[in-house]
Amino acid sequence: MKFVVNINDQTPDTCDRSLRFAVKGREGTTLRDTYYLVDPKSSPSKNLQMGYTTVYANGKTTGHSHARHEEVYFVIQGQGRMVVGEDEYEIKAGDGLYVPFGVFHTTYNTGILPLQLLWVTCQDPTIAAVQPSVATPRPSGPRPEK
């Protein structure tokens, strides 16, 4: 007898002990954890920063841009949607993405599993001394739907 099942096709538990129960009503809000693995502030790296972000089901990252950094992402697990400037991409495990300098970006988890992302930013050393490094959030208000 053959029996094959995929977790992405299943309905998650929503009992009062589940994460989904605890965050009910917060769908589409920032719901993520980020770990900074390599950082110029705490490592020998001068221009690279590497991190690991988990975006929980129905959650998203805080949208922002980096005037002094370009960024690449690698999707380790899960599926979602990434907004990069005016473009939107469906993403899944195994995908790699590029975000140019200064372009607003945010990521939404559209699956049932946590969306796990490895990311690396690279600072442009020619403007490093000119302006401080700050992630700039997009102004508040509704984002136009596509």
N, C-alpha and C. Protein backbone atom coordinates (compact mmCIF):
# COMPACT_ATOMS: atom_id res chain seq x y z
N MET A 1 0.83 -1.17 0.00
CA MET A 1 0.00 0.00 0.00
C MET A 1 0.89 1.24 0.00
N LYS A 2 0.60 2.16 -0.92
CA LYS A 2 1.36 3.39 -1.00
C LYS A 2 0.58 4.51 -0.31
N PHE A 3 1.27 5.22 0.57
CA PHE A 3 0.65 6.37 1.24
C PHE A 3 1.69 7.49 1.29
N VAL A 4 1.44 8.56 0.57
CA VAL A 4 2.35 9.70 0.52
C VAL A 4 1.57 10.94 0.92
N VAL A 5 2.16 11.72 1.81
CA VAL A 5 1.52 12.95 2.26
C VAL A 5 2.59 14.04 2.34
N ASN A 6 2.21 15.27 2.05
CA ASN A 6 3.14 16.39 2.12
C ASN A 6 2.64 17.37 3.17
N ILE A 7 3.53 17.81 4.02
CA ILE A 7 3.14 18.72 5.10
C ILE A 7 2.51 20.01 4.59
N ASN A 8 2.94 20.49 3.42
CA ASN A 8 2.40 21.73 2.87
C ASN A 8 0.94 21.61 2.45
N ASP A 9 0.44 20.39 2.35
CA ASP A 9 -0.96 20.18 1.98
C ASP A 9 -1.85 19.94 3.19
N GLN A 10 -1.29 20.02 4.39
CA GLN A 10 -2.03 19.71 5.60
C GLN A 10 -2.58 20.97 6.26
N THR A 11 -3.59 20.79 7.07
CA THR A 11 -4.16 21.88 7.86
C THR A 11 -3.47 21.89 9.21
N PRO A 12 -2.90 23.02 9.62
CA PRO A 12 -2.18 23.05 10.90
C PRO A 12 -3.12 23.03 12.09
N ASP A 13 -2.59 22.60 13.20
CA ASP A 13 -3.30 22.58 14.47
C ASP A 13 -3.58 24.02 14.90
N THR A 14 -4.78 24.27 15.40
CA THR A 14 -5.13 25.62 15.88
C THR A 14 -5.70 25.57 17.30
N CYS A 15 -5.37 24.53 18.05
CA CYS A 15 -5.87 24.45 19.44
C CYS A 15 -5.23 25.55 20.27
N ASP A 16 -5.70 25.72 21.50
CA ASP A 16 -5.24 26.83 22.33
C ASP A 16 -3.77 26.72 22.77
N ARG A 17 -3.10 25.63 22.44
CA ARG A 17 -1.67 25.48 22.73
C ARG A 17 -0.80 25.83 21.52
N SER A 18 -1.41 26.14 20.38
CA SER A 18 -0.64 26.35 19.15
C SER A 18 -0.23 27.81 18.97
N LEU A 19 0.81 28.01 18.20
CA LEU A 19 1.24 29.36 17.84
C LEU A 19 0.14 30.08 17.07
N ARG A 20 -0.53 29.37 16.17
CA ARG A 20 -1.60 30.00 15.39
C ARG A 20 -2.72 30.54 16.28
N PHE A 21 -3.03 29.84 17.35
CA PHE A 21 -4.04 30.32 18.29
C PHE A 21 -3.53 31.59 19.00
N ALA A 22 -2.27 31.56 19.41
CA ALA A 22 -1.69 32.69 20.15
C ALA A 22 -1.61 33.96 19.31
N VAL A 23 -1.46 33.82 18.00
CA VAL A 23 -1.31 35.00 17.14
C VAL A 23 -2.55 35.25 16.28
N LYS A 24 -3.65 34.60 16.61
CA LYS A 24 -4.88 34.78 15.84
C LYS A 24 -5.25 36.27 15.80
N GLY A 25 -5.60 36.74 14.62
CA GLY A 25 -5.93 38.14 14.43
C GLY A 25 -4.74 39.01 14.07
N ARG A 26 -3.54 38.43 14.07
CA ARG A 26 -2.33 39.18 13.71
C ARG A 26 -1.83 38.81 12.33
N GLU A 27 -2.63 38.15 11.52
CA GLU A 27 -2.22 37.73 10.19
C GLU A 27 -1.74 38.96 9.41
N GLY A 28 -0.62 38.80 8.71
CA GLY A 28 -0.09 39.89 7.90
C GLY A 28 0.71 40.92 8.68
N THR A 29 0.90 40.72 9.98
CA THR A 29 1.72 41.64 10.75
C THR A 29 3.14 41.10 10.86
N THR A 30 4.05 41.94 11.31
CA THR A 30 5.43 41.51 11.48
C THR A 30 5.47 40.42 12.54
N LEU A 31 5.97 39.26 12.15
CA LEU A 31 6.01 38.10 13.02
C LEU A 31 7.23 37.28 12.63
N ARG A 32 8.39 37.67 13.15
CA ARG A 32 9.64 37.04 12.73
C ARG A 32 10.68 37.12 13.82
N ASP A 33 11.71 36.27 13.71
CA ASP A 33 12.90 36.32 14.54
C ASP A 33 14.10 36.42 13.61
N THR A 34 15.07 37.26 13.95
CA THR A 34 16.29 37.40 13.16
C THR A 34 17.49 37.21 14.07
N TYR A 35 18.49 36.49 13.55
CA TYR A 35 19.75 36.27 14.26
C TYR A 35 20.87 36.81 13.37
N TYR A 36 21.71 37.66 13.93
CA TYR A 36 22.85 38.22 13.18
C TYR A 36 24.04 37.31 13.42
N LEU A 37 24.51 36.66 12.37
CA LEU A 37 25.57 35.67 12.49
C LEU A 37 26.95 36.28 12.27
N VAL A 38 27.07 37.11 11.25
CA VAL A 38 28.31 37.83 10.96
C VAL A 38 27.95 39.30 10.86
N ASP A 39 28.68 40.13 11.59
CA ASP A 39 28.35 41.56 11.61
C ASP A 39 29.64 42.35 11.78
N PRO A 40 29.82 43.42 11.03
CA PRO A 40 31.04 44.22 11.20
C PRO A 40 31.24 44.72 12.63
N LYS A 41 30.18 44.84 13.40
CA LYS A 41 30.30 45.30 14.78
C LYS A 41 30.90 44.24 15.71
N SER A 42 30.77 42.96 15.33
CA SER A 42 31.19 41.89 16.25
C SER A 42 32.00 40.79 15.57
N SER A 43 32.53 41.06 14.37
CA SER A 43 33.33 40.06 13.66
C SER A 43 34.42 40.77 12.87
N PRO A 44 35.33 40.01 12.26
CA PRO A 44 36.38 40.63 11.45
C PRO A 44 35.87 41.22 10.13
N SER A 45 34.64 40.93 9.75
CA SER A 45 34.10 41.44 8.49
C SER A 45 34.02 42.96 8.52
N LYS A 46 34.41 43.57 7.41
CA LYS A 46 34.34 45.03 7.29
C LYS A 46 33.10 45.48 6.52
N ASN A 47 32.62 44.67 5.55
CA ASN A 47 31.54 45.09 4.66
C ASN A 47 30.37 44.14 4.57
N LEU A 48 30.52 42.92 5.10
CA LEU A 48 29.46 41.90 4.98
C LEU A 48 28.74 41.72 6.30
N GLN A 49 27.44 41.49 6.18
CA GLN A 49 26.63 41.09 7.33
C GLN A 49 25.81 39.89 6.88
N MET A 50 25.75 38.86 7.72
CA MET A 50 24.97 37.67 7.38
C MET A 50 24.02 37.39 8.53
N GLY A 51 22.80 36.99 8.17
CA GLY A 51 21.82 36.68 9.19
C GLY A 51 20.88 35.57 8.77
N TYR A 52 20.10 35.14 9.74
CA TYR A 52 19.13 34.07 9.57
C TYR A 52 17.81 34.58 10.13
N THR A 53 16.78 34.58 9.29
CA THR A 53 15.48 35.07 9.71
C THR A 53 14.44 33.98 9.55
N THR A 54 13.60 33.82 10.56
CA THR A 54 12.44 32.94 10.50
C THR A 54 11.20 33.83 10.49
N VAL A 55 10.37 33.66 9.45
CA VAL A 55 9.09 34.36 9.36
C VAL A 55 8.02 33.31 9.66
N TYR A 56 7.22 33.55 10.68
CA TYR A 56 6.24 32.57 11.09
C TYR A 56 4.99 32.62 10.21
N ALA A 57 4.25 31.53 10.20
CA ALA A 57 3.06 31.41 9.34
C ALA A 57 2.16 32.63 9.49
N ASN A 58 1.67 33.12 8.37
CA ASN A 58 0.80 34.30 8.28
C ASN A 58 1.50 35.60 8.65
N GLY A 59 2.80 35.57 8.88
CA GLY A 59 3.53 36.77 9.26
C GLY A 59 4.34 37.35 8.12
N LYS A 60 5.06 38.40 8.42
CA LYS A 60 5.90 39.07 7.44
C LYS A 60 7.10 39.69 8.14
N THR A 61 8.05 40.15 7.35
CA THR A 61 9.17 40.90 7.89
C THR A 61 8.80 42.38 7.92
N THR A 62 9.61 43.14 8.62
CA THR A 62 9.45 44.59 8.61
C THR A 62 10.03 45.09 7.29
N GLY A 63 9.22 45.71 6.45
CA GLY A 63 9.72 46.22 5.18
C GLY A 63 10.69 47.36 5.40
N HIS A 64 11.74 47.39 4.59
CA HIS A 64 12.77 48.42 4.74
C HIS A 64 13.63 48.48 3.48
N SER A 65 14.54 49.44 3.45
CA SER A 65 15.54 49.53 2.40
C SER A 65 16.88 49.86 3.05
N HIS A 66 17.96 49.60 2.32
CA HIS A 66 19.30 49.90 2.80
C HIS A 66 19.98 50.79 1.77
N ALA A 67 20.19 52.05 2.07
CA ALA A 67 20.82 52.96 1.12
C ALA A 67 22.25 52.54 0.80
N ARG A 68 22.95 51.96 1.78
CA ARG A 68 24.37 51.63 1.61
C ARG A 68 24.65 50.15 1.40
N HIS A 69 23.61 49.32 1.31
CA HIS A 69 23.83 47.87 1.21
C HIS A 69 23.01 47.26 0.08
N GLU A 70 23.62 46.30 -0.60
CA GLU A 70 22.85 45.41 -1.46
C GLU A 70 22.70 44.12 -0.67
N GLU A 71 21.74 43.27 -1.07
CA GLU A 71 21.44 42.11 -0.25
C GLU A 71 21.05 40.92 -1.11
N VAL A 72 21.43 39.73 -0.66
CA VAL A 72 20.98 38.49 -1.29
C VAL A 72 20.30 37.63 -0.23
N TYR A 73 19.32 36.86 -0.67
CA TYR A 73 18.58 35.94 0.19
C TYR A 73 18.65 34.54 -0.39
N PHE A 74 18.67 33.55 0.50
CA PHE A 74 18.52 32.16 0.12
C PHE A 74 17.42 31.57 0.98
N VAL A 75 16.42 30.98 0.35
CA VAL A 75 15.28 30.40 1.07
C VAL A 75 15.65 28.97 1.48
N ILE A 76 15.73 28.73 2.77
CA ILE A 76 16.10 27.42 3.30
C ILE A 76 14.88 26.52 3.41
N GLN A 77 13.78 27.06 3.92
CA GLN A 77 12.56 26.27 4.13
C GLN A 77 11.35 27.18 3.96
N GLY A 78 10.26 26.56 3.52
CA GLY A 78 8.99 27.26 3.46
C GLY A 78 8.69 27.88 2.11
N GLN A 79 7.65 28.68 2.12
CA GLN A 79 7.24 29.37 0.90
C GLN A 79 6.64 30.71 1.27
N GLY A 80 6.70 31.64 0.34
CA GLY A 80 6.19 32.96 0.64
C GLY A 80 6.16 33.85 -0.58
N ARG A 81 6.09 35.14 -0.30
CA ARG A 81 6.07 36.15 -1.35
C ARG A 81 7.03 37.25 -0.92
N MET A 82 7.90 37.64 -1.83
CA MET A 82 8.84 38.72 -1.54
C MET A 82 8.53 39.90 -2.43
N VAL A 83 8.43 41.07 -1.83
CA VAL A 83 8.23 42.31 -2.55
C VAL A 83 9.59 43.01 -2.61
N VAL A 84 10.03 43.31 -3.82
CA VAL A 84 11.29 44.02 -4.03
C VAL A 84 10.97 45.21 -4.94
N GLY A 85 10.91 46.39 -4.36
CA GLY A 85 10.50 47.56 -5.12
C GLY A 85 9.06 47.38 -5.58
N GLU A 86 8.83 47.50 -6.86
CA GLU A 86 7.48 47.34 -7.42
C GLU A 86 7.20 45.90 -7.87
N ASP A 87 8.18 45.02 -7.71
CA ASP A 87 8.04 43.63 -8.16
C ASP A 87 7.68 42.71 -7.00
N GLU A 88 6.93 41.64 -7.30
CA GLU A 88 6.61 40.61 -6.31
C GLU A 88 7.00 39.25 -6.87
N TYR A 89 7.57 38.42 -6.01
CA TYR A 89 8.02 37.09 -6.41
C TYR A 89 7.48 36.05 -5.45
N GLU A 90 6.93 34.97 -5.97
CA GLU A 90 6.62 33.81 -5.15
C GLU A 90 7.94 33.11 -4.88
N ILE A 91 8.21 32.78 -3.62
CA ILE A 91 9.48 32.15 -3.27
C ILE A 91 9.23 30.84 -2.54
N LYS A 92 10.23 29.95 -2.64
CA LYS A 92 10.14 28.65 -1.95
C LYS A 92 11.56 28.17 -1.68
N ALA A 93 11.67 27.11 -0.89
CA ALA A 93 12.97 26.54 -0.54
C ALA A 93 13.81 26.33 -1.79
N GLY A 94 15.06 26.77 -1.71
CA GLY A 94 16.00 26.62 -2.82
C GLY A 94 16.15 27.88 -3.67
N ASP A 95 15.27 28.86 -3.50
CA ASP A 95 15.34 30.09 -4.30
C ASP A 95 16.39 31.04 -3.72
N GLY A 96 17.01 31.80 -4.62
CA GLY A 96 17.91 32.88 -4.26
C GLY A 96 17.39 34.17 -4.87
N LEU A 97 17.52 35.28 -4.15
CA LEU A 97 17.03 36.57 -4.63
C LEU A 97 18.07 37.65 -4.39
N TYR A 98 18.02 38.68 -5.22
CA TYR A 98 18.92 39.82 -5.09
C TYR A 98 18.10 41.08 -4.86
N VAL A 99 18.55 41.93 -3.94
CA VAL A 99 17.91 43.21 -3.65
C VAL A 99 18.97 44.29 -3.85
N PRO A 100 18.76 45.20 -4.83
CA PRO A 100 19.75 46.26 -5.09
C PRO A 100 19.81 47.30 -3.96
N PHE A 101 20.84 48.11 -3.99
CA PHE A 101 21.00 49.22 -3.05
C PHE A 101 19.74 50.08 -3.04
N GLY A 102 19.27 50.42 -1.84
CA GLY A 102 18.21 51.40 -1.69
C GLY A 102 16.81 50.98 -2.08
N VAL A 103 16.58 49.73 -2.42
CA VAL A 103 15.26 49.28 -2.87
C VAL A 103 14.48 48.69 -1.69
N PHE A 104 13.26 49.17 -1.49
CA PHE A 104 12.39 48.66 -0.43
C PHE A 104 12.11 47.18 -0.67
N HIS A 105 12.12 46.39 0.42
CA HIS A 105 11.80 44.96 0.30
C HIS A 105 11.17 44.46 1.59
N THR A 106 10.30 43.47 1.44
CA THR A 106 9.66 42.81 2.57
C THR A 106 9.27 41.40 2.14
N THR A 107 9.10 40.52 3.11
CA THR A 107 8.80 39.12 2.82
C THR A 107 7.60 38.67 3.62
N TYR A 108 6.69 37.94 2.97
CA TYR A 108 5.48 37.40 3.58
C TYR A 108 5.55 35.89 3.57
N ASN A 109 5.19 35.25 4.67
CA ASN A 109 5.08 33.80 4.70
C ASN A 109 3.67 33.43 4.26
N THR A 110 3.55 32.72 3.14
CA THR A 110 2.25 32.31 2.63
C THR A 110 1.98 30.83 2.85
N GLY A 111 2.92 30.13 3.49
CA GLY A 111 2.76 28.70 3.72
C GLY A 111 2.38 28.40 5.15
N ILE A 112 2.39 27.12 5.48
CA ILE A 112 2.05 26.71 6.85
C ILE A 112 3.29 26.48 7.71
N LEU A 113 4.45 26.29 7.08
CA LEU A 113 5.70 26.10 7.82
C LEU A 113 6.40 27.43 8.02
N PRO A 114 7.27 27.52 9.02
CA PRO A 114 8.07 28.73 9.13
C PRO A 114 8.90 28.92 7.85
N LEU A 115 9.01 30.16 7.41
CA LEU A 115 9.82 30.52 6.25
C LEU A 115 11.19 30.89 6.78
N GLN A 116 12.21 30.11 6.40
CA GLN A 116 13.56 30.32 6.91
C GLN A 116 14.44 30.88 5.81
N LEU A 117 15.07 32.01 6.10
CA LEU A 117 15.86 32.74 5.12
C LEU A 117 17.28 32.98 5.64
N LEU A 118 18.25 32.73 4.80
CA LEU A 118 19.62 33.13 5.07
C LEU A 118 19.87 34.35 4.19
N TRP A 119 20.41 35.41 4.75
CA TRP A 119 20.63 36.62 3.97
C TRP A 119 22.02 37.19 4.23
N VAL A 120 22.53 37.88 3.22
CA VAL A 120 23.83 38.54 3.32
C VAL A 120 23.69 39.94 2.73
N THR A 121 24.15 40.94 3.47
CA THR A 121 24.23 42.29 2.92
C THR A 121 25.69 42.63 2.72
N CYS A 122 25.94 43.45 1.71
CA CYS A 122 27.29 43.92 1.44
C CYS A 122 27.26 45.44 1.37
N GLN A 123 28.04 46.05 2.22
CA GLN A 123 28.12 47.50 2.27
C GLN A 123 29.01 48.01 1.14
N ASP A 124 28.62 49.09 0.50
CA ASP A 124 29.45 49.73 -0.51
C ASP A 124 30.55 50.50 0.23
N PRO A 125 31.80 50.04 0.16
CA PRO A 125 32.86 50.69 0.94
C PRO A 125 33.16 52.12 0.48
N THR A 126 32.75 52.49 -0.72
CA THR A 126 33.02 53.84 -1.20
C THR A 126 32.13 54.88 -0.55
N ILE A 127 31.00 54.46 0.05
CA ILE A 127 30.13 55.43 0.73
C ILE A 127 30.03 55.14 2.22
N ALA A 128 30.84 54.21 2.69
CA ALA A 128 30.77 53.80 4.10
C ALA A 128 31.05 54.95 5.06
N ALA A 129 31.98 55.80 4.74
CA ALA A 129 32.34 56.87 5.65
C ALA A 129 31.44 58.10 5.50
N VAL A 130 30.61 58.12 4.48
CA VAL A 130 29.81 59.31 4.19
C VAL A 130 28.51 59.35 4.96
N GLN A 131 27.78 58.25 5.02
CA GLN A 131 26.50 58.25 5.71
C GLN A 131 26.38 57.03 6.61
N PRO A 132 25.69 57.14 7.73
CA PRO A 132 25.55 56.00 8.64
C PRO A 132 24.71 54.90 8.01
N SER A 133 24.92 53.69 8.49
CA SER A 133 24.17 52.54 8.00
C SER A 133 22.87 52.41 8.77
N VAL A 134 21.76 52.60 8.08
CA VAL A 134 20.45 52.52 8.71
C VAL A 134 19.49 51.85 7.75
N ALA A 135 18.73 50.90 8.25
CA ALA A 135 17.66 50.31 7.45
C ALA A 135 16.49 51.27 7.52
N THR A 136 16.02 51.71 6.37
CA THR A 136 14.96 52.71 6.31
C THR A 136 13.62 52.04 6.05
N PRO A 137 12.68 52.14 7.01
CA PRO A 137 11.36 51.54 6.77
C PRO A 137 10.56 52.38 5.77
N ARG A 138 9.66 51.72 5.07
CA ARG A 138 8.76 52.41 4.16
C ARG A 138 7.78 53.21 5.02
N PRO A 139 7.36 54.39 4.53
CA PRO A 139 6.36 55.15 5.29
C PRO A 139 5.13 54.29 5.56
N SER A 140 4.48 54.53 6.73
CA SER A 140 3.33 53.73 7.09
C SER A 140 2.16 54.03 6.17
N GLY A 141 1.19 53.18 6.22
CA GLY A 141 0.02 53.30 5.36
C GLY A 141 -0.14 52.05 4.54
N PRO A 142 -1.27 51.89 3.90
CA PRO A 142 -1.51 50.66 3.14
C PRO A 142 -0.60 50.55 1.93
N ARG A 143 -0.19 49.32 1.68
CA ARG A 143 0.61 49.02 0.50
C ARG A 143 -0.36 48.70 -0.63
N PRO A 144 -0.12 49.28 -1.81
CA PRO A 144 -1.04 48.96 -2.90
C PRO A 144 -1.04 47.46 -3.21
N GLU A 145 -2.20 46.88 -3.32
CA GLU A 145 -2.32 45.45 -3.64
C GLU A 145 -2.16 45.25 -5.13
N LYS A 146 -1.58 44.12 -5.49
CA LYS A 146 -1.42 43.77 -6.91
C LYS A 146 -2.38 42.69 -7.29
